[in-house]
């Protein structure tokens, strides 16, 4: 009997150990580089030919074309099991048409939000943003597709979200939370980002940084001889630490030329004030604006998906992803150390 009792005890322990080894999922051996490499030119191209296609009718704020655009974004996040921070299956932060003042917006509009909760510091939020709208059509019905502006930033966000979600599923999710924020109304006055900062889903004091992507698919004619670049704007305006982290990440993982031409306080273009990051900067949130510069198709009917440099766009997107990864996982929080 004593022998039988011991035998049953050993078998029980062995079975429990085997069960634990099955149910406990070990972390994947994939690295941050592996996740970054899931961002590909072919996937970006697949999304952009739809998102900046004629069916979207130029995505003017408050139009049926813009509604198709936000449905595409919502469907993507649902299909990839990336939840909404608002409520289940509702990824839209409504922006009433009255909010746009005298801009003659036909319908209420919406920001689109998706969310990955941090594993260790979920209350600290890294916001990745891009504007989902463009300028619509003209009086003759010609469509302004806005492939670069800002279809490129929009689909880059989708690819980054998918890469982060893959990390989550592998047990390698970010320590801090990440909010994917697609804002409306940029072309008519930065309205969507303004609305979010006035009605934040998460307290702005908990927002660590805003990495804003607006036009990353083309090459500035002035950079034709050196296309492996990206313009960075605002990285050192509020936080020297953010600037230093950005530089170090690029040197370690991507090695693009980081060009600060438009970061100059005396830049006559004043790009720092002209995209959605600015509404976060006004609230003392450190920002980086990623930008390829203007080109001959800027705000013209010819800003179409066939003009995009997809391999270069993938590399730029990987830089933004790697920067977000670093900020979301580093021990200390990026802080605003300037005013």
C-alpha atoms as a PDB file:
ATOM      1  CA  UNK A   1       0.000   0.000   0.000  1.00  0.00           C
ATOM      2  CA  UNK A   2       2.834   2.366   0.897  1.00  0.00           C
ATOM      3  CA  UNK A   3       4.509   1.615  -2.431  1.00  0.00           C
ATOM      4  CA  UNK A   4       1.239   2.184  -4.293  1.00  0.00           C
ATOM      5  CA  UNK A   5       0.727   5.520  -2.516  1.00  0.00           C
ATOM      6  CA  UNK A   6       4.212   6.673  -3.484  1.00  0.00           C
ATOM      7  CA  UNK A   7       3.691   5.567  -7.081  1.00  0.00           C
ATOM      8  CA  UNK A   8       0.430   7.500  -7.355  1.00  0.00           C
ATOM      9  CA  UNK A   9       2.070  10.576  -5.831  1.00  0.00           C
ATOM     10  CA  UNK A  10       4.925  10.470  -8.357  1.00  0.00           C
ATOM     11  CA  UNK A  11       2.491  10.045 -11.246  1.00  0.00           C
ATOM     12  CA  UNK A  12       0.373  12.943  -9.991  1.00  0.00           C
ATOM     13  CA  UNK A  13       3.377  15.264  -9.748  1.00  0.00           C
ATOM     14  CA  UNK A  14       4.571  14.181 -13.174  1.00  0.00           C
ATOM     15  CA  UNK A  15       1.168  14.816 -14.744  1.00  0.00           C
ATOM     16  CA  UNK A  16       0.879  18.231 -13.112  1.00  0.00           C
ATOM     17  CA  UNK A  17       4.367  19.151 -14.301  1.00  0.00           C
ATOM     18  CA  UNK A  18       3.548  18.053 -17.831  1.00  0.00           C
ATOM     19  CA  UNK A  19       0.286  20.005 -17.751  1.00  0.00           C
ATOM     20  CA  UNK A  20       2.086  23.150 -16.548  1.00  0.00           C
ATOM     21  CA  UNK A  21       4.684  22.795 -19.289  1.00  0.00           C
ATOM     22  CA  UNK A  22       1.923  22.672 -21.878  1.00  0.00           C
ATOM     23  CA  UNK A  23      -0.220  25.531 -20.605  1.00  0.00           C
ATOM     24  CA  UNK A  24       2.593  27.961 -19.860  1.00  0.00           C
ATOM     25  CA  UNK A  25       3.503  29.648 -23.152  1.00  0.00           C
ATOM     26  CA  UNK A  26       7.158  30.676 -23.255  1.00  0.00           C
ATOM     27  CA  UNK A  27       8.168  33.981 -24.744  1.00  0.00           C
ATOM     28  CA  UNK A  28       9.013  33.929 -28.429  1.00  0.00           C
ATOM     29  CA  UNK A  29      12.645  34.141 -29.458  1.00  0.00           C
ATOM     30  CA  UNK A  30      11.763  36.874 -31.943  1.00  0.00           C
ATOM     31  CA  UNK A  31      13.640  40.134 -31.370  1.00  0.00           C
ATOM     32  CA  UNK A  32      12.600  43.740 -31.891  1.00  0.00           C
ATOM     33  CA  UNK A  33      14.389  43.593 -35.250  1.00  0.00           C
ATOM     34  CA  UNK A  34      12.303  40.594 -36.276  1.00  0.00           C
ATOM     35  CA  UNK A  35       9.107  42.450 -35.427  1.00  0.00           C
ATOM     36  CA  UNK A  36      10.297  45.535 -37.300  1.00  0.00           C
ATOM     37  CA  UNK A  37      11.007  43.361 -40.324  1.00  0.00           C
ATOM     38  CA  UNK A  38       7.355  42.295 -40.460  1.00  0.00           C
ATOM     39  CA  UNK A  39       6.763  45.828 -41.789  1.00  0.00           C
ATOM     40  CA  UNK A  40       7.194  45.302 -45.518  1.00  0.00           C
ATOM     41  CA  UNK A  41       6.956  47.307 -48.703  1.00  0.00           C
ATOM     42  CA  UNK A  42       4.481  44.817 -50.165  1.00  0.00           C
ATOM     43  CA  UNK A  43       2.060  45.122 -47.227  1.00  0.00           C
ATOM     44  CA  UNK A  44       2.287  48.909 -47.232  1.00  0.00           C
ATOM     45  CA  UNK A  45       1.568  48.927 -50.958  1.00  0.00           C
ATOM     46  CA  UNK A  46      -1.403  46.570 -50.565  1.00  0.00           C
ATOM     47  CA  UNK A  47      -3.016  48.848 -47.977  1.00  0.00           C
ATOM     48  CA  UNK A  48      -2.234  52.112 -49.729  1.00  0.00           C
ATOM     49  CA  UNK A  49      -3.689  51.145 -53.093  1.00  0.00           C
ATOM     50  CA  UNK A  50      -6.980  50.626 -51.272  1.00  0.00           C
ATOM     51  CA  UNK A  51      -6.771  53.476 -48.781  1.00  0.00           C
ATOM     52  CA  UNK A  52      -5.722  56.046 -51.385  1.00  0.00           C
ATOM     53  CA  UNK A  53      -7.880  54.522 -54.118  1.00  0.00           C
ATOM     54  CA  UNK A  54     -10.625  56.351 -56.004  1.00  0.00           C
ATOM     55  CA  UNK A  55     -13.375  54.691 -53.947  1.00  0.00           C
ATOM     56  CA  UNK A  56     -12.379  56.817 -50.935  1.00  0.00           C
ATOM     57  CA  UNK A  57     -13.038  59.989 -52.961  1.00  0.00           C
ATOM     58  CA  UNK A  58     -10.122  61.871 -51.421  1.00  0.00           C
ATOM     59  CA  UNK A  59     -11.261  61.314 -47.791  1.00  0.00           C
ATOM     60  CA  UNK A  60     -12.472  64.857 -47.168  1.00  0.00           C
ATOM     61  CA  UNK A  61     -13.576  65.315 -43.565  1.00  0.00           C
ATOM     62  CA  UNK A  62     -17.265  64.653 -43.022  1.00  0.00           C
ATOM     63  CA  UNK A  63     -17.953  63.030 -46.395  1.00  0.00           C
ATOM     64  CA  UNK A  64     -18.971  59.518 -47.446  1.00  0.00           C
ATOM     65  CA  UNK A  65     -15.451  58.880 -48.708  1.00  0.00           C
ATOM     66  CA  UNK A  66     -14.032  59.647 -45.298  1.00  0.00           C
ATOM     67  CA  UNK A  67     -16.587  57.264 -43.762  1.00  0.00           C
ATOM     68  CA  UNK A  68     -15.285  54.493 -46.009  1.00  0.00           C
ATOM     69  CA  UNK A  69     -11.767  55.316 -44.848  1.00  0.00           C
ATOM     70  CA  UNK A  70     -12.565  55.016 -41.144  1.00  0.00           C
ATOM     71  CA  UNK A  71     -14.419  51.761 -41.768  1.00  0.00           C
ATOM     72  CA  UNK A  72     -11.282  50.388 -43.427  1.00  0.00           C
ATOM     73  CA  UNK A  73      -9.226  51.307 -40.374  1.00  0.00           C
ATOM     74  CA  UNK A  74     -11.752  49.894 -37.916  1.00  0.00           C
ATOM     75  CA  UNK A  75     -12.005  46.645 -39.861  1.00  0.00           C
ATOM     76  CA  UNK A  76      -8.232  46.282 -39.855  1.00  0.00           C
ATOM     77  CA  UNK A  77      -8.016  46.569 -36.082  1.00  0.00           C
ATOM     78  CA  UNK A  78     -10.924  44.205 -35.559  1.00  0.00           C
ATOM     79  CA  UNK A  79      -9.426  41.648 -37.935  1.00  0.00           C
ATOM     80  CA  UNK A  80      -6.107  41.765 -36.061  1.00  0.00           C
ATOM     81  CA  UNK A  81      -7.689  41.562 -32.594  1.00  0.00           C
ATOM     82  CA  UNK A  82      -6.347  44.960 -31.565  1.00  0.00           C
ATOM     83  CA  UNK A  83      -8.989  46.408 -29.245  1.00  0.00           C
ATOM     84  CA  UNK A  84     -10.511  49.847 -28.935  1.00  0.00           C
ATOM     85  CA  UNK A  85      -9.787  51.916 -25.804  1.00  0.00           C
ATOM     86  CA  UNK A  86     -13.263  53.446 -25.958  1.00  0.00           C
ATOM     87  CA  UNK A  87     -15.591  50.465 -25.787  1.00  0.00           C
ATOM     88  CA  UNK A  88     -15.782  47.065 -27.398  1.00  0.00           C
ATOM     89  CA  UNK A  89     -16.075  47.236 -31.191  1.00  0.00           C
ATOM     90  CA  UNK A  90     -16.391  51.030 -31.173  1.00  0.00           C
ATOM     91  CA  UNK A  91     -13.135  52.483 -32.439  1.00  0.00           C
ATOM     92  CA  UNK A  92     -14.586  55.910 -33.248  1.00  0.00           C
ATOM     93  CA  UNK A  93     -14.229  59.068 -31.198  1.00  0.00           C
ATOM     94  CA  UNK A  94     -17.031  61.203 -32.611  1.00  0.00           C
ATOM     95  CA  UNK A  95     -16.153  64.761 -33.615  1.00  0.00           C
ATOM     96  CA  UNK A  96     -19.423  66.715 -34.157  1.00  0.00           C
ATOM     97  CA  UNK A  97     -19.677  68.635 -37.412  1.00  0.00           C
ATOM     98  CA  UNK A  98     -20.313  71.808 -35.406  1.00  0.00           C
ATOM     99  CA  UNK A  99     -16.805  71.504 -33.970  1.00  0.00           C
ATOM    100  CA  UNK A 100     -15.355  72.416 -37.361  1.00  0.00           C
ATOM    101  CA  UNK A 101     -16.878  75.886 -37.268  1.00  0.00           C
ATOM    102  CA  UNK A 102     -17.332  77.458 -40.681  1.00  0.00           C
ATOM    103  CA  UNK A 103     -15.574  74.705 -42.629  1.00  0.00           C
ATOM    104  CA  UNK A 104     -18.854  73.450 -44.177  1.00  0.00           C
ATOM    105  CA  UNK A 105     -18.374  69.882 -42.999  1.00  0.00           C
ATOM    106  CA  UNK A 106     -21.400  67.872 -44.157  1.00  0.00           C
ATOM    107  CA  UNK A 107     -21.447  65.105 -41.533  1.00  0.00           C
ATOM    108  CA  UNK A 108     -20.096  64.383 -38.085  1.00  0.00           C
ATOM    109  CA  UNK A 109     -16.579  63.009 -38.328  1.00  0.00           C
ATOM    110  CA  UNK A 110     -14.488  60.726 -36.160  1.00  0.00           C
ATOM    111  CA  UNK A 111     -11.024  59.920 -34.957  1.00  0.00           C
ATOM    112  CA  UNK A 112     -10.144  56.214 -35.021  1.00  0.00           C
ATOM    113  CA  UNK A 113      -8.434  54.764 -31.944  1.00  0.00           C
ATOM    114  CA  UNK A 114      -6.901  51.357 -31.233  1.00  0.00           C
ATOM    115  CA  UNK A 115      -4.980  50.337 -28.152  1.00  0.00           C
ATOM    116  CA  UNK A 116      -2.362  47.903 -26.899  1.00  0.00           C
ATOM    117  CA  UNK A 117      -2.185  47.805 -23.108  1.00  0.00           C
ATOM    118  CA  UNK A 118       1.249  47.863 -21.550  1.00  0.00           C
ATOM    119  CA  UNK A 119       2.371  44.855 -19.530  1.00  0.00           C
ATOM    120  CA  UNK A 120       4.162  46.718 -16.725  1.00  0.00           C
ATOM    121  CA  UNK A 121       3.318  50.434 -16.923  1.00  0.00           C
ATOM    122  CA  UNK A 122      -0.098  50.477 -18.601  1.00  0.00           C
ATOM    123  CA  UNK A 123      -0.971  53.950 -17.313  1.00  0.00           C
ATOM    124  CA  UNK A 124       1.885  55.498 -19.342  1.00  0.00           C
ATOM    125  CA  UNK A 125       0.788  56.045 -22.948  1.00  0.00           C
ATOM    126  CA  UNK A 126       2.860  56.288 -26.138  1.00  0.00           C
ATOM    127  CA  UNK A 127       0.727  57.815 -28.897  1.00  0.00           C
ATOM    128  CA  UNK A 128       1.394  57.081 -32.555  1.00  0.00           C
ATOM    129  CA  UNK A 129      -0.622  59.386 -34.811  1.00  0.00           C
ATOM    130  CA  UNK A 130      -1.385  60.114 -38.448  1.00  0.00           C
ATOM    131  CA  UNK A 131      -4.213  62.019 -40.100  1.00  0.00           C
ATOM    132  CA  UNK A 132      -6.758  59.934 -41.957  1.00  0.00           C
ATOM    133  CA  UNK A 133      -8.269  62.709 -44.124  1.00  0.00           C
ATOM    134  CA  UNK A 134      -7.275  64.463 -47.333  1.00  0.00           C
ATOM    135  CA  UNK A 135      -8.785  67.237 -49.482  1.00  0.00           C
ATOM    136  CA  UNK A 136     -11.488  65.306 -51.346  1.00  0.00           C
ATOM    137  CA  UNK A 137     -12.543  66.254 -54.877  1.00  0.00           C
ATOM    138  CA  UNK A 138     -12.772  69.459 -56.884  1.00  0.00           C
ATOM    139  CA  UNK A 139     -15.830  71.011 -58.574  1.00  0.00           C
ATOM    140  CA  UNK A 140     -15.265  68.840 -61.667  1.00  0.00           C
ATOM    141  CA  UNK A 141     -15.241  65.654 -59.600  1.00  0.00           C
ATOM    142  CA  UNK A 142     -11.506  65.066 -59.884  1.00  0.00           C
ATOM    143  CA  UNK A 143     -10.212  62.985 -56.980  1.00  0.00           C
ATOM    144  CA  UNK A 144      -7.274  64.041 -54.824  1.00  0.00           C
ATOM    145  CA  UNK A 145      -6.147  60.637 -53.565  1.00  0.00           C
ATOM    146  CA  UNK A 146      -3.595  61.835 -51.005  1.00  0.00           C
ATOM    147  CA  UNK A 147      -1.400  58.752 -51.247  1.00  0.00           C
ATOM    148  CA  UNK A 148       1.556  60.449 -49.585  1.00  0.00           C
ATOM    149  CA  UNK A 149      -0.529  63.014 -47.679  1.00  0.00           C
ATOM    150  CA  UNK A 150      -1.312  61.191 -45.483  1.00  0.00           C
ATOM    151  CA  UNK A 151      -2.159  57.791 -46.827  1.00  0.00           C
ATOM    152  CA  UNK A 152       1.484  56.912 -46.243  1.00  0.00           C
ATOM    153  CA  UNK A 153       1.378  57.756 -42.540  1.00  0.00           C
ATOM    154  CA  UNK A 154      -1.970  56.038 -42.111  1.00  0.00           C
ATOM    155  CA  UNK A 155      -0.953  52.666 -43.537  1.00  0.00           C
ATOM    156  CA  UNK A 156       2.407  52.903 -41.750  1.00  0.00           C
ATOM    157  CA  UNK A 157       0.399  53.029 -38.517  1.00  0.00           C
ATOM    158  CA  UNK A 158      -1.447  49.857 -39.494  1.00  0.00           C
ATOM    159  CA  UNK A 159       1.789  48.007 -40.134  1.00  0.00           C
ATOM    160  CA  UNK A 160       3.283  49.178 -36.843  1.00  0.00           C
ATOM    161  CA  UNK A 161       0.148  48.137 -34.971  1.00  0.00           C
ATOM    162  CA  UNK A 162       0.302  44.693 -36.537  1.00  0.00           C
ATOM    163  CA  UNK A 163       3.967  44.336 -35.552  1.00  0.00           C
ATOM    164  CA  UNK A 164       3.271  45.329 -31.943  1.00  0.00           C
ATOM    165  CA  UNK A 165       0.286  42.987 -31.791  1.00  0.00           C
ATOM    166  CA  UNK A 166       2.474  40.133 -33.027  1.00  0.00           C
ATOM    167  CA  UNK A 167       4.829  40.890 -30.136  1.00  0.00           C
ATOM    168  CA  UNK A 168       1.897  40.803 -27.708  1.00  0.00           C
ATOM    169  CA  UNK A 169       0.752  37.433 -29.013  1.00  0.00           C
ATOM    170  CA  UNK A 170       4.305  36.113 -28.582  1.00  0.00           C
ATOM    171  CA  UNK A 171       4.470  37.279 -24.976  1.00  0.00           C
ATOM    172  CA  UNK A 172       6.786  40.166 -25.861  1.00  0.00           C
ATOM    173  CA  UNK A 173       4.304  43.036 -25.660  1.00  0.00           C
ATOM    174  CA  UNK A 174       5.397  46.580 -24.733  1.00  0.00           C
ATOM    175  CA  UNK A 175       5.782  47.601 -21.095  1.00  0.00           C
ATOM    176  CA  UNK A 176       3.981  50.888 -21.685  1.00  0.00           C
ATOM    177  CA  UNK A 177       0.664  51.201 -23.483  1.00  0.00           C
ATOM    178  CA  UNK A 178       0.440  52.289 -27.114  1.00  0.00           C
ATOM    179  CA  UNK A 179      -2.455  54.274 -28.555  1.00  0.00           C
ATOM    180  CA  UNK A 180      -2.838  54.245 -32.335  1.00  0.00           C
ATOM    181  CA  UNK A 181      -4.592  57.530 -33.071  1.00  0.00           C
ATOM    182  CA  UNK A 182      -5.887  58.271 -36.574  1.00  0.00           C
ATOM    183  CA  UNK A 183      -7.142  61.844 -36.548  1.00  0.00           C
ATOM    184  CA  UNK A 184      -9.625  63.565 -38.803  1.00  0.00           C
ATOM    185  CA  UNK A 185      -9.759  67.156 -39.999  1.00  0.00           C
ATOM    186  CA  UNK A 186      -6.021  67.824 -40.311  1.00  0.00           C
ATOM    187  CA  UNK A 187      -6.246  69.393 -43.745  1.00  0.00           C
ATOM    188  CA  UNK A 188      -8.830  71.922 -42.598  1.00  0.00           C
ATOM    189  CA  UNK A 189      -7.082  72.986 -39.413  1.00  0.00           C
ATOM    190  CA  UNK A 190      -5.688  70.155 -37.221  1.00  0.00           C
ATOM    191  CA  UNK A 191      -9.176  69.640 -35.795  1.00  0.00           C
ATOM    192  CA  UNK A 192      -9.070  65.933 -34.958  1.00  0.00           C
ATOM    193  CA  UNK A 193      -5.908  66.137 -32.877  1.00  0.00           C
ATOM    194  CA  UNK A 194      -7.192  69.311 -31.236  1.00  0.00           C
ATOM    195  CA  UNK A 195     -10.399  67.500 -30.333  1.00  0.00           C
ATOM    196  CA  UNK A 196      -8.496  64.569 -28.862  1.00  0.00           C
ATOM    197  CA  UNK A 197      -6.252  66.778 -26.721  1.00  0.00           C
ATOM    198  CA  UNK A 198      -9.337  68.627 -25.458  1.00  0.00           C
ATOM    199  CA  UNK A 199     -11.189  65.341 -24.869  1.00  0.00           C
ATOM    200  CA  UNK A 200      -8.419  62.814 -24.190  1.00  0.00           C
ATOM    201  CA  UNK A 201      -9.257  59.171 -23.652  1.00  0.00           C
ATOM    202  CA  UNK A 202      -6.237  58.999 -21.354  1.00  0.00           C
ATOM    203  CA  UNK A 203      -4.990  61.942 -19.263  1.00  0.00           C
ATOM    204  CA  UNK A 204      -2.475  64.030 -21.178  1.00  0.00           C
ATOM    205  CA  UNK A 205      -0.173  64.012 -18.159  1.00  0.00           C
ATOM    206  CA  UNK A 206       0.082  60.242 -18.686  1.00  0.00           C
ATOM    207  CA  UNK A 207       1.032  60.657 -22.344  1.00  0.00           C
ATOM    208  CA  UNK A 208       4.756  59.990 -22.628  1.00  0.00           C
ATOM    209  CA  UNK A 209       5.293  61.060 -26.223  1.00  0.00           C
ATOM    210  CA  UNK A 210       3.542  61.616 -29.557  1.00  0.00           C
ATOM    211  CA  UNK A 211       5.229  60.228 -32.668  1.00  0.00           C
ATOM    212  CA  UNK A 212       3.373  61.758 -35.610  1.00  0.00           C
ATOM    213  CA  UNK A 213       3.703  60.423 -39.156  1.00  0.00           C
ATOM    214  CA  UNK A 214       2.623  62.763 -41.950  1.00  0.00           C
ATOM    215  CA  UNK A 215       3.996  62.077 -45.455  1.00  0.00           C
ATOM    216  CA  UNK A 216       6.763  59.447 -45.503  1.00  0.00           C
ATOM    217  CA  UNK A 217       6.349  57.878 -48.953  1.00  0.00           C
ATOM    218  CA  UNK A 218       8.130  60.228 -51.351  1.00  0.00           C
ATOM    219  CA  UNK A 219      11.480  61.914 -51.927  1.00  0.00           C
ATOM    220  CA  UNK A 220      12.009  65.653 -51.679  1.00  0.00           C
ATOM    221  CA  UNK A 221      13.527  66.803 -55.020  1.00  0.00           C
ATOM    222  CA  UNK A 222      16.284  68.458 -52.977  1.00  0.00           C
ATOM    223  CA  UNK A 223      17.233  65.018 -51.644  1.00  0.00           C
ATOM    224  CA  UNK A 224      17.217  63.146 -54.957  1.00  0.00           C
ATOM    225  CA  UNK A 225      20.943  62.402 -54.666  1.00  0.00           C
ATOM    226  CA  UNK A 226      20.566  61.069 -51.111  1.00  0.00           C
ATOM    227  CA  UNK A 227      17.118  59.497 -50.719  1.00  0.00           C
ATOM    228  CA  UNK A 228      17.936  57.468 -47.594  1.00  0.00           C
ATOM    229  CA  UNK A 229      16.721  60.211 -45.268  1.00  0.00           C
ATOM    230  CA  UNK A 230      13.771  61.427 -43.229  1.00  0.00           C
ATOM    231  CA  UNK A 231      13.093  64.930 -41.917  1.00  0.00           C
ATOM    232  CA  UNK A 232      12.571  65.076 -38.152  1.00  0.00           C
ATOM    233  CA  UNK A 233      10.791  68.043 -36.637  1.00  0.00           C
ATOM    234  CA  UNK A 234      10.290  68.829 -32.969  1.00  0.00           C
ATOM    235  CA  UNK A 235      12.385  66.050 -31.414  1.00  0.00           C
ATOM    236  CA  UNK A 236      14.395  68.470 -29.250  1.00  0.00           C
ATOM    237  CA  UNK A 237      11.765  71.183 -28.725  1.00  0.00           C
ATOM    238  CA  UNK A 238      10.508  69.838 -25.403  1.00  0.00           C
ATOM    239  CA  UNK A 239      12.819  66.956 -24.555  1.00  0.00           C
ATOM    240  CA  UNK A 240      16.528  66.593 -25.224  1.00  0.00           C
ATOM    241  CA  UNK A 241      16.178  63.045 -23.911  1.00  0.00           C
ATOM    242  CA  UNK A 242      13.696  62.188 -26.678  1.00  0.00           C
ATOM    243  CA  UNK A 243      16.043  63.616 -29.292  1.00  0.00           C
ATOM    244  CA  UNK A 244      18.965  61.595 -27.944  1.00  0.00           C
ATOM    245  CA  UNK A 245      16.949  58.367 -27.823  1.00  0.00           C
ATOM    246  CA  UNK A 246      15.753  58.943 -31.383  1.00  0.00           C
ATOM    247  CA  UNK A 247      19.296  59.447 -32.621  1.00  0.00           C
ATOM    248  CA  UNK A 248      20.595  56.370 -30.810  1.00  0.00           C
ATOM    249  CA  UNK A 249      17.803  54.118 -32.106  1.00  0.00           C
ATOM    250  CA  UNK A 250      18.387  55.212 -35.686  1.00  0.00           C
ATOM    251  CA  UNK A 251      22.130  54.629 -35.418  1.00  0.00           C
ATOM    252  CA  UNK A 252      21.647  51.177 -33.886  1.00  0.00           C
ATOM    253  CA  UNK A 253      18.845  49.789 -36.066  1.00  0.00           C
ATOM    254  CA  UNK A 254      18.081  51.742 -39.257  1.00  0.00           C
ATOM    255  CA  UNK A 255      20.778  54.277 -40.150  1.00  0.00           C
ATOM    256  CA  UNK A 256      18.783  56.745 -42.207  1.00  0.00           C
ATOM    257  CA  UNK A 257      19.996  60.317 -42.491  1.00  0.00           C
ATOM    258  CA  UNK A 258      18.007  62.295 -39.910  1.00  0.00           C
ATOM    259  CA  UNK A 259      17.671  65.739 -41.455  1.00  0.00           C
ATOM    260  CA  UNK A 260      16.680  68.641 -39.174  1.00  0.00           C
ATOM    261  CA  UNK A 261      16.390  71.334 -41.832  1.00  0.00           C
ATOM    262  CA  UNK A 262      12.743  72.042 -41.013  1.00  0.00           C
ATOM    263  CA  UNK A 263      13.331  71.913 -37.268  1.00  0.00           C
ATOM    264  CA  UNK A 264      14.992  75.322 -37.441  1.00  0.00           C
ATOM    265  CA  UNK A 265      13.101  78.002 -35.499  1.00  0.00           C
ATOM    266  CA  UNK A 266      13.525  80.268 -38.521  1.00  0.00           C
ATOM    267  CA  UNK A 267      12.159  77.774 -41.044  1.00  0.00           C
ATOM    268  CA  UNK A 268       9.852  79.872 -43.275  1.00  0.00           C
ATOM    269  CA  UNK A 269       7.617  76.824 -43.908  1.00  0.00           C
ATOM    270  CA  UNK A 270       6.777  76.586 -40.192  1.00  0.00           C
ATOM    271  CA  UNK A 271       6.095  72.855 -40.532  1.00  0.00           C
ATOM    272  CA  UNK A 272       6.382  72.437 -36.762  1.00  0.00           C
ATOM    273  CA  UNK A 273       3.027  74.199 -36.451  1.00  0.00           C
ATOM    274  CA  UNK A 274       1.334  72.465 -39.397  1.00  0.00           C
ATOM    275  CA  UNK A 275       0.665  68.869 -38.403  1.00  0.00           C
ATOM    276  CA  UNK A 276      -1.085  67.069 -35.582  1.00  0.00           C
ATOM    277  CA  UNK A 277       1.855  66.686 -33.227  1.00  0.00           C
ATOM    278  CA  UNK A 278       1.570  70.414 -32.509  1.00  0.00           C
ATOM    279  CA  UNK A 279      -1.608  70.001 -30.484  1.00  0.00           C
ATOM    280  CA  UNK A 280       0.291  67.611 -28.213  1.00  0.00           C
ATOM    281  CA  UNK A 281       3.337  69.875 -28.037  1.00  0.00           C
ATOM    282  CA  UNK A 282       1.076  72.737 -26.938  1.00  0.00           C
ATOM    283  CA  UNK A 283       0.183  70.531 -23.973  1.00  0.00           C
ATOM    284  CA  UNK A 284       3.841  69.877 -23.086  1.00  0.00           C
ATOM    285  CA  UNK A 285       3.925  66.365 -24.551  1.00  0.00           C
ATOM    286  CA  UNK A 286       7.285  65.621 -26.254  1.00  0.00           C
ATOM    287  CA  UNK A 287       6.843  65.027 -29.990  1.00  0.00           C
ATOM    288  CA  UNK A 288       8.553  63.933 -33.172  1.00  0.00           C
ATOM    289  CA  UNK A 289       7.076  64.729 -36.577  1.00  0.00           C
ATOM    290  CA  UNK A 290       8.306  62.373 -39.345  1.00  0.00           C
ATOM    291  CA  UNK A 291       8.140  63.971 -42.786  1.00  0.00           C
ATOM    292  CA  UNK A 292       9.581  63.445 -46.266  1.00  0.00           C
ATOM    293  CA  UNK A 293       9.162  67.076 -47.364  1.00  0.00           C
ATOM    294  CA  UNK A 294       6.979  68.441 -50.130  1.00  0.00           C
ATOM    295  CA  UNK A 295       7.144  67.456 -53.789  1.00  0.00           C
ATOM    296  CA  UNK A 296       5.562  68.353 -57.111  1.00  0.00           C
ATOM    297  CA  UNK A 297       2.410  66.302 -56.365  1.00  0.00           C
ATOM    298  CA  UNK A 298       1.680  67.836 -52.962  1.00  0.00           C
ATOM    299  CA  UNK A 299      -2.085  68.575 -52.738  1.00  0.00           C
ATOM    300  CA  UNK A 300      -2.548  67.705 -56.400  1.00  0.00           C
ATOM    301  CA  UNK A 301      -4.516  64.997 -58.195  1.00  0.00           C
ATOM    302  CA  UNK A 302      -1.191  63.345 -59.010  1.00  0.00           C
ATOM    303  CA  UNK A 303      -0.462  62.322 -55.397  1.00  0.00           C
ATOM    304  CA  UNK A 304      -1.280  58.706 -56.235  1.00  0.00           C
ATOM    305  CA  UNK A 305      -0.088  55.300 -54.919  1.00  0.00           C
ATOM    306  CA  UNK A 306       2.046  54.549 -57.992  1.00  0.00           C
ATOM    307  CA  UNK A 307       4.378  57.433 -57.052  1.00  0.00           C
ATOM    308  CA  UNK A 308       5.287  56.022 -53.633  1.00  0.00           C
ATOM    309  CA  UNK A 309       8.787  54.696 -52.864  1.00  0.00           C
ATOM    310  CA  UNK A 310       7.629  51.618 -50.959  1.00  0.00           C
ATOM    311  CA  UNK A 311      10.989  50.151 -49.942  1.00  0.00           C
ATOM    312  CA  UNK A 312      12.087  53.511 -48.551  1.00  0.00           C
ATOM    313  CA  UNK A 313       8.716  53.977 -46.887  1.00  0.00           C
ATOM    314  CA  UNK A 314       9.104  50.591 -45.163  1.00  0.00           C
ATOM    315  CA  UNK A 315      12.515  51.596 -43.841  1.00  0.00           C
ATOM    316  CA  UNK A 316      11.132  54.872 -42.498  1.00  0.00           C
ATOM    317  CA  UNK A 317       8.237  53.036 -40.875  1.00  0.00           C
ATOM    318  CA  UNK A 318      10.667  50.619 -39.233  1.00  0.00           C
ATOM    319  CA  UNK A 319      12.527  53.610 -37.775  1.00  0.00           C
ATOM    320  CA  UNK A 320       9.329  54.938 -36.196  1.00  0.00           C
ATOM    321  CA  UNK A 321       8.448  51.473 -34.918  1.00  0.00           C
ATOM    322  CA  UNK A 322      11.893  50.998 -33.386  1.00  0.00           C
ATOM    323  CA  UNK A 323      11.697  54.415 -31.727  1.00  0.00           C
ATOM    324  CA  UNK A 324       8.255  53.616 -30.308  1.00  0.00           C
ATOM    325  CA  UNK A 325       9.527  50.202 -29.138  1.00  0.00           C
ATOM    326  CA  UNK A 326      12.440  51.815 -27.305  1.00  0.00           C
ATOM    327  CA  UNK A 327      10.298  54.450 -25.612  1.00  0.00           C
ATOM    328  CA  UNK A 328       7.639  51.904 -24.645  1.00  0.00           C
ATOM    329  CA  UNK A 329      10.132  49.441 -23.137  1.00  0.00           C
ATOM    330  CA  UNK A 330      12.950  51.494 -21.622  1.00  0.00           C
ATOM    331  CA  UNK A 331      13.215  51.666 -17.842  1.00  0.00           C
ATOM    332  CA  UNK A 332      12.686  55.408 -17.397  1.00  0.00           C
ATOM    333  CA  UNK A 333       9.904  57.502 -18.864  1.00  0.00           C
ATOM    334  CA  UNK A 334      10.788  60.132 -21.460  1.00  0.00           C
ATOM    335  CA  UNK A 335      10.210  63.511 -19.834  1.00  0.00           C
ATOM    336  CA  UNK A 336       9.716  67.051 -21.067  1.00  0.00           C
ATOM    337  CA  UNK A 337      12.830  68.841 -19.850  1.00  0.00           C
ATOM    338  CA  UNK A 338      12.338  72.060 -21.805  1.00  0.00           C
ATOM    339  CA  UNK A 339       9.616  74.692 -22.021  1.00  0.00           C
END
